[in-house]
Amino acid sequence: MKLGRREFVKLTAAATAVTAFGGLGFDLAPTKAHAQLLSLRKGKETTSVCCYCSVGCGLIVTTDEKTKRAINIEGDPDHPINEGALCAKGSAIYQLAENPQRITKVQYRAPGSDKWEEKSWDWAITEIAKRVKKVRDESFTLKNAKGEVVNRTEGLASVGSAAMDNEECWIYQAFLRSLGLTYIEHQARI
C-alpha cells in the first residue's frame, strides 16, 4: 500500500481519536448527578457582589450566626452574570474579610510627616466631612458667566466602586449631586 502525506495525516488522526476516546464509551443516555452537601458549619447565607472589577459577579457569603464572621464565600449559581463561576480574584475574596494582616483601624499620615498615626473612626469621619465642606464652600459656583443658576462645585470629584449595586450607586449619586458635584464617575465605565 502506497501512503501519501494526506493519507498518513488522516490515518494518524483517526488512530489518535480511537486511542484517546475508545475506552470512554459513547453512551448518550441522560446521566444523573449525585451531589453531596458538605456543611462543616451552618450559617446565614447572604448574596453579595464581588468588588474586584466592574463585571459584578454574584457571591453567596455564609456568615456564622454567633460570631458574625464570614465562614465561606462562593459564586452564586443563580446570578445571571457569573452563574456560580468566579475568577482567581473572586475565588480568593474570602481573604478580604478574614485576613489577620488586614488593617482595621484608621491610619493617618499628616502632610509632610513620615509616620502613620492611629486615629479613631469618629475623628476620621469628622475630618472628612470638614474637608469636603471646606472644599465645597471654596469652589461652589452659584451662577455661571451668563447669569444662569448652576449650583455646582468643580473642586470635588468622585469615582464609584464596582462593589456597589445599582441601588447603592443611585443613592450615592443622589448624595453627590446634592453637594453640587459634576465630576461623578464609576469604575464600571472606566
N, C-alpha and C. Protein backbone atom coordinates (compact mmCIF):
# COMPACT_ATOMS: atom_id res chain seq x y z
N MET A 1 0.85 -1.18 0.00
CA MET A 1 0.00 0.00 0.00
C MET A 1 0.89 1.23 0.00
N LYS A 2 0.60 2.13 -0.93
CA LYS A 2 1.36 3.36 -1.01
C LYS A 2 0.63 4.40 -0.19
N LEU A 3 1.35 5.05 0.74
CA LEU A 3 0.76 6.02 1.67
C LEU A 3 1.33 7.39 1.40
N GLY A 4 0.44 8.32 0.97
CA GLY A 4 0.87 9.69 0.74
C GLY A 4 0.79 10.49 2.05
N ARG A 5 1.20 11.75 1.96
CA ARG A 5 1.21 12.59 3.16
C ARG A 5 -0.20 12.80 3.71
N ARG A 6 -1.17 13.07 2.84
CA ARG A 6 -2.55 13.30 3.30
C ARG A 6 -3.15 12.06 3.93
N GLU A 7 -2.93 10.94 3.34
CA GLU A 7 -3.46 9.69 3.88
C GLU A 7 -2.82 9.39 5.23
N PHE A 8 -1.51 9.68 5.35
CA PHE A 8 -0.81 9.46 6.61
C PHE A 8 -1.39 10.33 7.73
N VAL A 9 -1.65 11.62 7.42
CA VAL A 9 -2.23 12.53 8.42
C VAL A 9 -3.62 12.05 8.82
N LYS A 10 -4.45 11.64 7.85
CA LYS A 10 -5.80 11.16 8.15
C LYS A 10 -5.75 9.90 9.02
N LEU A 11 -4.87 8.98 8.67
CA LEU A 11 -4.75 7.74 9.42
C LEU A 11 -4.24 8.01 10.84
N THR A 12 -3.30 8.92 10.98
CA THR A 12 -2.78 9.28 12.30
C THR A 12 -3.85 9.93 13.16
N ALA A 13 -4.65 10.83 12.58
CA ALA A 13 -5.73 11.49 13.32
C ALA A 13 -6.77 10.48 13.77
N ALA A 14 -7.13 9.55 12.89
CA ALA A 14 -8.12 8.54 13.25
C ALA A 14 -7.59 7.63 14.35
N ALA A 15 -6.35 7.22 14.26
CA ALA A 15 -5.76 6.35 15.28
C ALA A 15 -5.68 7.07 16.63
N THR A 16 -5.34 8.36 16.60
CA THR A 16 -5.27 9.13 17.83
C THR A 16 -6.64 9.25 18.47
N ALA A 17 -7.68 9.52 17.65
CA ALA A 17 -9.04 9.65 18.18
C ALA A 17 -9.52 8.34 18.79
N VAL A 18 -9.27 7.22 18.12
CA VAL A 18 -9.69 5.92 18.64
C VAL A 18 -8.97 5.61 19.94
N THR A 19 -7.68 5.90 19.99
CA THR A 19 -6.90 5.64 21.20
C THR A 19 -7.37 6.51 22.36
N ALA A 20 -7.61 7.79 22.08
CA ALA A 20 -7.97 8.73 23.14
C ALA A 20 -9.38 8.50 23.66
N PHE A 21 -10.33 8.26 22.76
CA PHE A 21 -11.72 8.19 23.18
C PHE A 21 -12.32 6.79 23.13
N GLY A 22 -11.57 5.83 22.68
CA GLY A 22 -12.09 4.48 22.54
C GLY A 22 -12.54 3.85 23.84
N GLY A 23 -11.83 4.09 24.92
CA GLY A 23 -12.17 3.48 26.20
C GLY A 23 -13.24 4.21 26.97
N LEU A 24 -13.65 5.40 26.50
CA LEU A 24 -14.63 6.17 27.24
C LEU A 24 -16.06 5.70 27.00
N GLY A 25 -16.33 5.15 25.85
CA GLY A 25 -17.69 4.75 25.53
C GLY A 25 -18.49 5.94 25.04
N PHE A 26 -19.57 5.66 24.35
CA PHE A 26 -20.38 6.73 23.80
C PHE A 26 -21.84 6.53 24.18
N ASP A 27 -22.11 6.44 25.46
CA ASP A 27 -23.47 6.27 25.94
C ASP A 27 -24.14 7.64 25.98
N LEU A 28 -25.17 7.85 25.19
CA LEU A 28 -25.84 9.14 25.11
C LEU A 28 -27.06 9.23 26.02
N ALA A 29 -27.25 8.26 26.87
CA ALA A 29 -28.38 8.29 27.80
C ALA A 29 -28.13 9.36 28.87
N PRO A 30 -29.20 10.05 29.34
CA PRO A 30 -29.02 11.07 30.38
C PRO A 30 -28.39 10.47 31.64
N THR A 31 -27.56 11.24 32.26
CA THR A 31 -26.86 10.80 33.46
C THR A 31 -27.36 11.58 34.65
N LYS A 32 -27.54 10.91 35.77
CA LYS A 32 -27.94 11.58 37.00
C LYS A 32 -26.71 12.02 37.76
N ALA A 33 -26.73 13.27 38.21
CA ALA A 33 -25.63 13.77 39.03
C ALA A 33 -26.00 13.58 40.49
N HIS A 34 -25.08 13.10 41.27
CA HIS A 34 -25.31 12.90 42.69
C HIS A 34 -24.35 13.81 43.45
N ALA A 35 -24.91 14.88 43.99
CA ALA A 35 -24.09 15.81 44.76
C ALA A 35 -24.32 15.57 46.24
N GLN A 36 -23.28 15.74 46.98
CA GLN A 36 -23.36 15.56 48.42
C GLN A 36 -23.15 16.92 49.06
N LEU A 37 -24.08 17.32 49.89
CA LEU A 37 -23.97 18.61 50.55
C LEU A 37 -23.02 18.49 51.73
N LEU A 38 -21.92 19.21 51.65
CA LEU A 38 -20.95 19.22 52.73
C LEU A 38 -21.11 20.52 53.49
N SER A 39 -21.50 20.43 54.71
CA SER A 39 -21.65 21.63 55.53
C SER A 39 -20.92 21.39 56.84
N LEU A 40 -19.75 22.02 56.94
CA LEU A 40 -18.97 21.85 58.16
C LEU A 40 -19.57 22.69 59.29
N ARG A 41 -19.99 23.89 58.94
CA ARG A 41 -20.64 24.76 59.91
C ARG A 41 -21.86 25.37 59.25
N LYS A 42 -22.89 25.55 60.03
CA LYS A 42 -24.08 26.19 59.49
C LYS A 42 -23.98 27.68 59.72
N GLY A 43 -24.61 28.43 58.85
CA GLY A 43 -24.60 29.87 58.98
C GLY A 43 -25.66 30.49 58.10
N LYS A 44 -25.73 31.80 58.14
CA LYS A 44 -26.70 32.54 57.35
C LYS A 44 -26.08 32.88 56.00
N GLU A 45 -26.79 32.56 54.92
CA GLU A 45 -26.31 32.86 53.58
C GLU A 45 -26.90 34.17 53.10
N THR A 46 -26.03 35.02 52.56
CA THR A 46 -26.43 36.33 52.04
C THR A 46 -25.79 36.51 50.67
N THR A 47 -26.54 37.08 49.74
CA THR A 47 -25.96 37.34 48.42
C THR A 47 -25.22 38.67 48.45
N SER A 48 -24.18 38.75 47.65
CA SER A 48 -23.38 39.97 47.56
C SER A 48 -22.80 40.08 46.15
N VAL A 49 -21.98 41.10 45.94
CA VAL A 49 -21.36 41.35 44.63
C VAL A 49 -19.85 41.42 44.83
N CYS A 50 -19.10 40.80 43.95
CA CYS A 50 -17.64 40.84 44.00
C CYS A 50 -17.15 42.27 43.77
N CYS A 51 -16.14 42.67 44.52
CA CYS A 51 -15.68 44.06 44.48
C CYS A 51 -14.45 44.27 43.60
N TYR A 52 -13.98 43.27 42.89
CA TYR A 52 -12.71 43.40 42.20
C TYR A 52 -12.78 44.11 40.86
N CYS A 53 -13.79 43.92 40.07
CA CYS A 53 -13.84 44.60 38.78
C CYS A 53 -15.27 45.04 38.50
N SER A 54 -15.50 45.56 37.34
CA SER A 54 -16.83 46.10 37.04
C SER A 54 -17.79 45.06 36.47
N VAL A 55 -17.40 43.80 36.46
CA VAL A 55 -18.29 42.77 35.93
C VAL A 55 -19.49 42.57 36.85
N GLY A 56 -19.27 42.56 38.15
CA GLY A 56 -20.36 42.44 39.11
C GLY A 56 -20.82 41.01 39.34
N CYS A 57 -19.89 40.09 39.46
CA CYS A 57 -20.24 38.69 39.71
C CYS A 57 -20.94 38.53 41.06
N GLY A 58 -21.89 37.62 41.10
CA GLY A 58 -22.65 37.37 42.32
C GLY A 58 -21.95 36.40 43.24
N LEU A 59 -22.07 36.66 44.53
CA LEU A 59 -21.46 35.82 45.56
C LEU A 59 -22.51 35.37 46.56
N ILE A 60 -22.25 34.26 47.20
CA ILE A 60 -23.02 33.84 48.37
C ILE A 60 -22.05 33.83 49.54
N VAL A 61 -22.32 34.67 50.52
CA VAL A 61 -21.47 34.79 51.70
C VAL A 61 -22.17 34.08 52.84
N THR A 62 -21.52 33.08 53.42
CA THR A 62 -22.07 32.38 54.57
C THR A 62 -21.43 32.96 55.82
N THR A 63 -22.28 33.41 56.75
CA THR A 63 -21.82 34.07 57.96
C THR A 63 -22.21 33.24 59.17
N ASP A 64 -21.28 33.06 60.09
CA ASP A 64 -21.55 32.35 61.34
C ASP A 64 -22.51 33.19 62.17
N GLU A 65 -23.61 32.58 62.60
CA GLU A 65 -24.65 33.30 63.35
C GLU A 65 -24.13 33.85 64.68
N LYS A 66 -23.23 33.12 65.31
CA LYS A 66 -22.75 33.54 66.64
C LYS A 66 -21.67 34.61 66.55
N THR A 67 -20.65 34.37 65.73
CA THR A 67 -19.51 35.28 65.69
C THR A 67 -19.68 36.41 64.67
N LYS A 68 -20.68 36.29 63.78
CA LYS A 68 -20.93 37.28 62.73
C LYS A 68 -19.74 37.43 61.78
N ARG A 69 -18.97 36.37 61.61
CA ARG A 69 -17.81 36.38 60.72
C ARG A 69 -18.11 35.48 59.52
N ALA A 70 -17.52 35.85 58.38
CA ALA A 70 -17.68 35.05 57.17
C ALA A 70 -16.97 33.71 57.35
N ILE A 71 -17.67 32.63 57.03
CA ILE A 71 -17.05 31.32 57.12
C ILE A 71 -16.87 30.69 55.74
N ASN A 72 -17.56 31.25 54.73
CA ASN A 72 -17.40 30.74 53.37
C ASN A 72 -17.93 31.77 52.38
N ILE A 73 -17.26 31.87 51.24
CA ILE A 73 -17.73 32.73 50.14
C ILE A 73 -17.58 31.92 48.86
N GLU A 74 -18.66 31.86 48.09
CA GLU A 74 -18.64 31.10 46.84
C GLU A 74 -19.46 31.83 45.78
N GLY A 75 -19.32 31.42 44.53
CA GLY A 75 -20.09 32.01 43.44
C GLY A 75 -21.56 31.68 43.56
N ASP A 76 -22.41 32.61 43.14
CA ASP A 76 -23.86 32.42 43.20
C ASP A 76 -24.33 31.77 41.90
N PRO A 77 -24.79 30.52 41.95
CA PRO A 77 -25.22 29.84 40.72
C PRO A 77 -26.48 30.45 40.11
N ASP A 78 -27.25 31.22 40.88
CA ASP A 78 -28.47 31.85 40.36
C ASP A 78 -28.21 33.24 39.79
N HIS A 79 -26.97 33.72 39.87
CA HIS A 79 -26.65 35.06 39.39
C HIS A 79 -26.51 35.03 37.87
N PRO A 80 -27.15 35.96 37.14
CA PRO A 80 -27.14 35.90 35.68
C PRO A 80 -25.78 36.20 35.04
N ILE A 81 -24.88 36.86 35.75
CA ILE A 81 -23.60 37.22 35.14
C ILE A 81 -22.61 36.07 35.20
N ASN A 82 -22.33 35.55 36.39
CA ASN A 82 -21.29 34.53 36.51
C ASN A 82 -21.82 33.12 36.69
N GLU A 83 -23.10 32.95 36.96
CA GLU A 83 -23.73 31.64 37.11
C GLU A 83 -22.94 30.70 38.02
N GLY A 84 -22.37 31.25 39.09
CA GLY A 84 -21.65 30.44 40.07
C GLY A 84 -20.15 30.38 39.88
N ALA A 85 -19.67 30.78 38.72
CA ALA A 85 -18.22 30.73 38.46
C ALA A 85 -17.56 32.00 39.01
N LEU A 86 -16.32 31.87 39.41
CA LEU A 86 -15.55 33.02 39.89
C LEU A 86 -14.15 32.97 39.29
N CYS A 87 -13.58 34.15 39.04
CA CYS A 87 -12.20 34.22 38.57
C CYS A 87 -11.26 33.98 39.75
N ALA A 88 -9.96 34.06 39.52
CA ALA A 88 -8.99 33.81 40.60
C ALA A 88 -9.14 34.82 41.73
N LYS A 89 -9.36 36.08 41.39
CA LYS A 89 -9.53 37.10 42.44
C LYS A 89 -10.82 36.86 43.21
N GLY A 90 -11.90 36.61 42.49
CA GLY A 90 -13.18 36.35 43.14
C GLY A 90 -13.14 35.12 44.02
N SER A 91 -12.40 34.10 43.59
CA SER A 91 -12.28 32.88 44.39
C SER A 91 -11.53 33.12 45.69
N ALA A 92 -10.66 34.12 45.71
CA ALA A 92 -9.87 34.42 46.91
C ALA A 92 -10.46 35.57 47.72
N ILE A 93 -11.69 35.97 47.43
CA ILE A 93 -12.29 37.14 48.07
C ILE A 93 -12.50 36.92 49.57
N TYR A 94 -12.57 35.69 50.00
CA TYR A 94 -12.72 35.38 51.42
C TYR A 94 -11.61 36.04 52.24
N GLN A 95 -10.42 36.15 51.64
CA GLN A 95 -9.28 36.72 52.36
C GLN A 95 -9.43 38.21 52.64
N LEU A 96 -10.33 38.89 51.94
CA LEU A 96 -10.56 40.30 52.25
C LEU A 96 -11.16 40.47 53.64
N ALA A 97 -12.11 39.61 53.97
CA ALA A 97 -12.79 39.73 55.25
C ALA A 97 -12.04 39.02 56.37
N GLU A 98 -11.47 37.88 56.06
CA GLU A 98 -10.81 37.07 57.08
C GLU A 98 -9.31 37.02 56.82
N ASN A 99 -8.63 38.09 57.19
CA ASN A 99 -7.20 38.19 56.97
C ASN A 99 -6.56 38.83 58.20
N PRO A 100 -5.68 38.13 58.91
CA PRO A 100 -5.10 38.70 60.12
C PRO A 100 -4.22 39.93 59.85
N GLN A 101 -3.79 40.13 58.60
CA GLN A 101 -2.95 41.29 58.28
C GLN A 101 -3.77 42.49 57.80
N ARG A 102 -5.08 42.33 57.75
CA ARG A 102 -5.95 43.41 57.28
C ARG A 102 -5.92 44.57 58.28
N ILE A 103 -5.80 45.79 57.77
CA ILE A 103 -5.81 46.96 58.63
C ILE A 103 -7.26 47.25 59.02
N THR A 104 -7.52 47.32 60.31
CA THR A 104 -8.89 47.52 60.80
C THR A 104 -9.06 48.85 61.53
N LYS A 105 -7.99 49.61 61.66
CA LYS A 105 -8.06 50.90 62.34
C LYS A 105 -7.63 51.99 61.38
N VAL A 106 -8.10 53.20 61.65
CA VAL A 106 -7.77 54.33 60.80
C VAL A 106 -6.30 54.67 60.97
N GLN A 107 -5.60 54.77 59.85
CA GLN A 107 -4.20 55.18 59.83
C GLN A 107 -4.13 56.54 59.13
N TYR A 108 -3.51 57.52 59.77
CA TYR A 108 -3.43 58.88 59.22
C TYR A 108 -1.98 59.33 59.20
N ARG A 109 -1.59 59.89 58.07
CA ARG A 109 -0.25 60.47 57.96
C ARG A 109 -0.43 61.95 57.63
N ALA A 110 -0.02 62.80 58.52
CA ALA A 110 -0.15 64.24 58.34
C ALA A 110 0.71 64.71 57.18
N PRO A 111 0.32 65.81 56.53
CA PRO A 111 1.14 66.34 55.44
C PRO A 111 2.57 66.63 55.90
N GLY A 112 3.55 66.15 55.16
CA GLY A 112 4.95 66.36 55.48
C GLY A 112 5.52 65.38 56.49
N SER A 113 4.68 64.57 57.08
CA SER A 113 5.14 63.61 58.09
C SER A 113 5.60 62.31 57.42
N ASP A 114 6.47 61.58 58.10
CA ASP A 114 6.89 60.27 57.59
C ASP A 114 6.36 59.14 58.47
N LYS A 115 5.47 59.47 59.41
CA LYS A 115 4.94 58.47 60.34
C LYS A 115 3.42 58.41 60.26
N TRP A 116 2.89 57.20 60.39
CA TRP A 116 1.45 56.99 60.44
C TRP A 116 0.99 57.05 61.88
N GLU A 117 -0.17 57.67 62.09
CA GLU A 117 -0.76 57.74 63.43
C GLU A 117 -2.07 56.97 63.43
N GLU A 118 -2.37 56.32 64.53
CA GLU A 118 -3.65 55.63 64.66
C GLU A 118 -4.69 56.63 65.17
N LYS A 119 -5.82 56.71 64.46
CA LYS A 119 -6.90 57.63 64.82
C LYS A 119 -8.20 56.85 64.98
N SER A 120 -9.19 57.50 65.60
CA SER A 120 -10.49 56.85 65.77
C SER A 120 -11.35 57.05 64.52
N TRP A 121 -12.36 56.21 64.39
CA TRP A 121 -13.27 56.33 63.26
C TRP A 121 -14.04 57.65 63.35
N ASP A 122 -14.44 58.05 64.55
CA ASP A 122 -15.15 59.32 64.72
C ASP A 122 -14.30 60.49 64.23
N TRP A 123 -13.02 60.46 64.57
CA TRP A 123 -12.11 61.52 64.12
C TRP A 123 -12.04 61.54 62.60
N ALA A 124 -11.92 60.36 61.97
CA ALA A 124 -11.77 60.27 60.51
C ALA A 124 -13.03 60.78 59.81
N ILE A 125 -14.19 60.38 60.27
CA ILE A 125 -15.44 60.81 59.63
C ILE A 125 -15.63 62.31 59.77
N THR A 126 -15.35 62.84 60.96
CA THR A 126 -15.46 64.28 61.18
C THR A 126 -14.47 65.05 60.31
N GLU A 127 -13.25 64.54 60.22
CA GLU A 127 -12.22 65.20 59.41
C GLU A 127 -12.58 65.20 57.93
N ILE A 128 -13.10 64.09 57.44
CA ILE A 128 -13.51 64.01 56.03
C ILE A 128 -14.65 64.99 55.77
N ALA A 129 -15.64 65.03 56.66
CA ALA A 129 -16.77 65.96 56.49
C ALA A 129 -16.30 67.41 56.49
N LYS A 130 -15.37 67.75 57.40
CA LYS A 130 -14.85 69.12 57.45
C LYS A 130 -14.14 69.49 56.14
N ARG A 131 -13.34 68.58 55.63
CA ARG A 131 -12.57 68.86 54.42
C ARG A 131 -13.47 68.95 53.19
N VAL A 132 -14.47 68.08 53.10
CA VAL A 132 -15.41 68.14 51.98
C VAL A 132 -16.16 69.47 52.01
N LYS A 133 -16.64 69.87 53.19
CA LYS A 133 -17.37 71.13 53.31
C LYS A 133 -16.49 72.32 52.95
N LYS A 134 -15.24 72.30 53.41
CA LYS A 134 -14.31 73.40 53.14
C LYS A 134 -14.07 73.55 51.63
N VAL A 135 -13.77 72.44 50.96
CA VAL A 135 -13.50 72.49 49.51
C VAL A 135 -14.77 72.88 48.75
N ARG A 136 -15.92 72.35 49.18
CA ARG A 136 -17.18 72.69 48.51
C ARG A 136 -17.47 74.18 48.65
N ASP A 137 -17.32 74.71 49.85
CA ASP A 137 -17.59 76.14 50.07
C ASP A 137 -16.65 77.02 49.26
N GLU A 138 -15.38 76.61 49.17
CA GLU A 138 -14.38 77.41 48.44
C GLU A 138 -14.59 77.36 46.93
N SER A 139 -15.13 76.27 46.42
CA SER A 139 -15.23 76.11 44.96
C SER A 139 -16.67 76.13 44.45
N PHE A 140 -17.62 76.47 45.29
CA PHE A 140 -19.03 76.44 44.88
C PHE A 140 -19.34 77.60 43.93
N THR A 141 -20.03 77.28 42.84
CA THR A 141 -20.44 78.29 41.87
C THR A 141 -21.96 78.35 41.86
N LEU A 142 -22.49 79.51 42.19
CA LEU A 142 -23.95 79.69 42.21
C LEU A 142 -24.48 79.96 40.81
N LYS A 143 -23.80 80.86 40.07
CA LYS A 143 -24.24 81.22 38.72
C LYS A 143 -23.04 81.18 37.76
N ASN A 144 -23.33 80.84 36.51
CA ASN A 144 -22.27 80.82 35.51
C ASN A 144 -22.07 82.22 34.92
N ALA A 145 -21.25 82.35 33.89
CA ALA A 145 -20.93 83.65 33.29
C ALA A 145 -22.14 84.31 32.65
N LYS A 146 -23.12 83.52 32.23
CA LYS A 146 -24.34 84.07 31.61
C LYS A 146 -25.37 84.51 32.66
N GLY A 147 -25.08 84.23 33.93
CA GLY A 147 -26.02 84.58 34.99
C GLY A 147 -27.04 83.49 35.29
N GLU A 148 -26.88 82.33 34.68
CA GLU A 148 -27.80 81.20 34.91
C GLU A 148 -27.41 80.49 36.20
N VAL A 149 -28.41 80.09 36.98
CA VAL A 149 -28.16 79.36 38.23
C VAL A 149 -27.66 77.96 37.90
N VAL A 150 -26.49 77.59 38.40
CA VAL A 150 -25.91 76.27 38.15
C VAL A 150 -25.72 75.46 39.43
N ASN A 151 -25.49 76.10 40.57
CA ASN A 151 -25.33 75.40 41.85
C ASN A 151 -24.41 74.18 41.73
N ARG A 152 -23.16 74.41 41.47
CA ARG A 152 -22.23 73.29 41.29
C ARG A 152 -20.88 73.60 41.93
N THR A 153 -20.14 72.53 42.16
CA THR A 153 -18.76 72.66 42.63
C THR A 153 -17.88 71.83 41.72
N GLU A 154 -16.79 72.41 41.27
CA GLU A 154 -15.85 71.69 40.42
C GLU A 154 -14.56 71.38 41.18
N GLY A 155 -14.59 71.59 42.48
CA GLY A 155 -13.43 71.31 43.32
C GLY A 155 -13.43 69.91 43.89
N LEU A 156 -14.50 69.17 43.69
CA LEU A 156 -14.62 67.80 44.19
C LEU A 156 -14.98 66.87 43.04
N ALA A 157 -14.55 65.62 43.14
CA ALA A 157 -14.90 64.61 42.15
C ALA A 157 -15.08 63.28 42.87
N SER A 158 -15.71 62.33 42.21
CA SER A 158 -15.93 61.02 42.83
C SER A 158 -15.76 59.93 41.78
N VAL A 159 -15.11 58.85 42.18
CA VAL A 159 -15.04 57.64 41.37
C VAL A 159 -15.67 56.54 42.20
N GLY A 160 -16.80 56.00 41.74
CA GLY A 160 -17.53 54.98 42.48
C GLY A 160 -16.83 53.64 42.47
N SER A 161 -17.41 52.70 43.17
CA SER A 161 -16.82 51.38 43.35
C SER A 161 -17.62 50.32 42.61
N ALA A 162 -16.95 49.32 42.07
CA ALA A 162 -17.63 48.22 41.41
C ALA A 162 -18.36 47.33 42.41
N ALA A 163 -18.05 47.48 43.69
CA ALA A 163 -18.69 46.66 44.71
C ALA A 163 -20.09 47.17 45.05
N MET A 164 -20.47 48.31 44.51
CA MET A 164 -21.79 48.87 44.81
C MET A 164 -22.81 48.35 43.82
N ASP A 165 -24.00 48.00 44.31
CA ASP A 165 -25.05 47.57 43.40
C ASP A 165 -25.80 48.80 42.89
N ASN A 166 -26.80 48.61 42.03
CA ASN A 166 -27.49 49.73 41.40
C ASN A 166 -28.14 50.66 42.42
N GLU A 167 -28.74 50.09 43.45
CA GLU A 167 -29.42 50.91 44.45
C GLU A 167 -28.42 51.76 45.23
N GLU A 168 -27.29 51.16 45.59
CA GLU A 168 -26.25 51.92 46.30
C GLU A 168 -25.68 53.02 45.40
N CYS A 169 -25.48 52.71 44.13
CA CYS A 169 -24.98 53.72 43.19
C CYS A 169 -25.97 54.88 43.06
N TRP A 170 -27.25 54.57 43.03
CA TRP A 170 -28.26 55.62 42.88
C TRP A 170 -28.25 56.55 44.08
N ILE A 171 -28.26 56.00 45.29
CA ILE A 171 -28.30 56.85 46.48
C ILE A 171 -26.99 57.62 46.63
N TYR A 172 -25.87 56.99 46.25
CA TYR A 172 -24.57 57.66 46.33
C TYR A 172 -24.52 58.83 45.35
N GLN A 173 -25.01 58.61 44.12
CA GLN A 173 -25.03 59.68 43.13
C GLN A 173 -25.96 60.80 43.57
N ALA A 174 -27.11 60.46 44.14
CA ALA A 174 -28.04 61.49 44.63
C ALA A 174 -27.37 62.34 45.70
N PHE A 175 -26.61 61.71 46.58
CA PHE A 175 -25.88 62.44 47.62
C PHE A 175 -24.84 63.38 46.99
N LEU A 176 -24.07 62.86 46.03
CA LEU A 176 -23.05 63.68 45.38
C LEU A 176 -23.66 64.84 44.61
N ARG A 177 -24.76 64.60 43.94
CA ARG A 177 -25.43 65.68 43.20
C ARG A 177 -25.98 66.73 44.17
N SER A 178 -26.41 66.29 45.35
CA SER A 178 -26.92 67.26 46.33
C SER A 178 -25.81 68.18 46.82
N LEU A 179 -24.56 67.70 46.78
CA LEU A 179 -23.42 68.55 47.12
C LEU A 179 -23.05 69.49 45.98
N GLY A 180 -23.53 69.19 44.77
CA GLY A 180 -23.23 70.02 43.62
C GLY A 180 -22.12 69.47 42.74
N LEU A 181 -21.72 68.23 42.94
CA LEU A 181 -20.65 67.65 42.12
C LEU A 181 -21.09 67.47 40.68
N THR A 182 -20.19 67.75 39.77
CA THR A 182 -20.44 67.49 38.35
C THR A 182 -19.53 66.39 37.83
N TYR A 183 -18.41 66.17 38.49
CA TYR A 183 -17.46 65.14 38.08
C TYR A 183 -17.73 63.86 38.87
N ILE A 184 -18.66 63.06 38.35
CA ILE A 184 -19.03 61.81 39.00
C ILE A 184 -18.77 60.69 38.01
N GLU A 185 -17.95 59.74 38.39
CA GLU A 185 -17.60 58.63 37.51
C GLU A 185 -17.77 57.33 38.29
N HIS A 186 -17.75 56.23 37.58
CA HIS A 186 -17.89 54.92 38.20
C HIS A 186 -16.91 53.97 37.55
N GLN A 187 -16.38 53.05 38.32
CA GLN A 187 -15.36 52.12 37.82
C GLN A 187 -15.88 51.30 36.65
N ALA A 188 -17.17 51.01 36.63
CA ALA A 188 -17.71 50.19 35.57
C ALA A 188 -17.62 50.86 34.20
N ARG A 189 -17.49 52.19 34.18
CA ARG A 189 -17.40 52.91 32.91
C ARG A 189 -15.97 53.24 32.53
N ILE A 190 -15.02 52.99 33.39
CA ILE A 190 -13.63 53.39 33.12
C ILE A 190 -12.93 52.32 32.31
